[in-house]
């Protein structure tokens, strides 16, 4: 699955990979129902990118990182924030 590879690539130590994967899974559980079936794979990839980006520049734990990722993901999907 491409989303999992996004989380696992990069210069992360095993603890960071575990933190990012936990954050991704927690965030996905919160947003999955908001994503139409046909858009889920692309949404998972985008969410993984958000998690890795936020995790790369912060020391947030998995729960905090999931909260940031969900907020960012939903704000972009609802158009309250423009894509970079």
Protein backbone atom coordinates (compact mmCIF):
# COMPACT_ATOMS: atom_id res chain seq x y z
CA UNK A 1 0.00 0.00 0.00
CA UNK A 2 1.50 3.31 -1.09
CA UNK A 3 0.37 5.24 2.02
CA UNK A 4 2.32 2.84 4.23
CA UNK A 5 5.44 3.25 2.07
CA UNK A 6 5.17 7.04 2.40
CA UNK A 7 5.18 6.73 6.18
CA UNK A 8 8.06 4.24 6.18
CA UNK A 9 10.40 6.09 3.82
CA UNK A 10 12.74 8.83 4.80
CA UNK A 11 15.37 9.32 7.42
CA UNK A 12 13.37 8.11 10.39
CA UNK A 13 14.55 5.84 13.14
CA UNK A 14 12.37 2.86 14.09
CA UNK A 15 10.67 4.76 16.94
CA UNK A 16 9.74 7.59 14.58
CA UNK A 17 8.36 5.14 12.02
CA UNK A 18 6.25 3.55 14.75
CA UNK A 19 5.02 7.00 15.89
CA UNK A 20 4.18 8.04 12.32
CA UNK A 21 2.37 4.78 11.56
CA UNK A 22 0.34 5.04 14.78
CA UNK A 23 -0.53 8.66 13.99
CA UNK A 24 -1.51 7.77 10.43
CA UNK A 25 -3.74 4.87 11.48
CA UNK A 26 -5.43 6.95 14.20
CA UNK A 27 -5.97 9.86 11.80
CA UNK A 28 -7.33 7.59 9.05
CA UNK A 29 -9.87 6.08 11.43
CA UNK A 30 -11.15 9.59 12.09
CA UNK A 31 -11.42 10.71 8.46
CA UNK A 32 -12.16 7.52 6.52
CA UNK A 33 -15.94 7.95 6.68
CA UNK A 34 -15.64 11.44 5.17
CA UNK A 35 -13.94 10.15 2.01
CA UNK A 36 -15.91 8.65 -0.89
CA UNK A 37 -14.84 5.08 -1.68
CA UNK A 38 -13.42 6.01 -5.08
CA UNK A 39 -11.13 8.64 -3.49
CA UNK A 40 -9.84 6.59 -0.55
CA UNK A 41 -6.47 5.49 -1.90
CA UNK A 42 -5.55 9.04 -2.97
CA UNK A 43 -6.82 10.38 0.35
CA UNK A 44 -4.74 7.84 2.28
CA UNK A 45 -1.65 8.89 0.33
CA UNK A 46 -2.33 12.55 1.00
CA UNK A 47 -2.96 11.90 4.70
CA UNK A 48 0.29 9.92 4.92
CA UNK A 49 2.12 12.87 3.36
CA UNK A 50 0.55 15.22 5.91
CA UNK A 51 1.57 12.94 8.79
CA UNK A 52 5.14 12.60 7.55
CA UNK A 53 5.46 16.33 6.91
CA UNK A 54 4.16 17.28 10.34
CA UNK A 55 6.15 14.51 12.01
CA UNK A 56 9.30 15.62 10.25
CA UNK A 57 9.21 19.09 11.79
CA UNK A 58 7.83 18.34 15.24
CA UNK A 59 8.30 16.16 18.27
CA UNK A 60 4.58 15.57 18.68
CA UNK A 61 3.54 12.19 20.02
CA UNK A 62 1.34 9.95 17.86
CA UNK A 63 -1.92 11.24 19.33
CA UNK A 64 -0.97 14.90 18.90
CA UNK A 65 0.33 14.24 15.42
CA UNK A 66 -2.91 12.48 14.45
CA UNK A 67 -4.89 15.50 15.70
CA UNK A 68 -2.79 17.89 13.60
CA UNK A 69 -3.06 15.61 10.55
CA UNK A 70 -6.85 15.29 10.83
CA UNK A 71 -7.30 19.03 11.25
CA UNK A 72 -5.06 19.75 8.25
CA UNK A 73 -6.62 17.05 6.08
CA UNK A 74 -10.20 18.12 6.81
CA UNK A 75 -9.49 21.82 6.41
CA UNK A 76 -8.01 21.22 2.97
CA UNK A 77 -10.83 18.87 1.93
CA UNK A 78 -13.47 21.38 2.97
CA UNK A 79 -11.65 24.24 1.28
CA UNK A 80 -10.88 26.31 4.37
CA UNK A 81 -7.19 26.16 3.57
CA UNK A 82 -5.55 26.26 0.18
CA UNK A 83 -3.22 23.53 -1.00
CA UNK A 84 0.44 24.48 -0.87
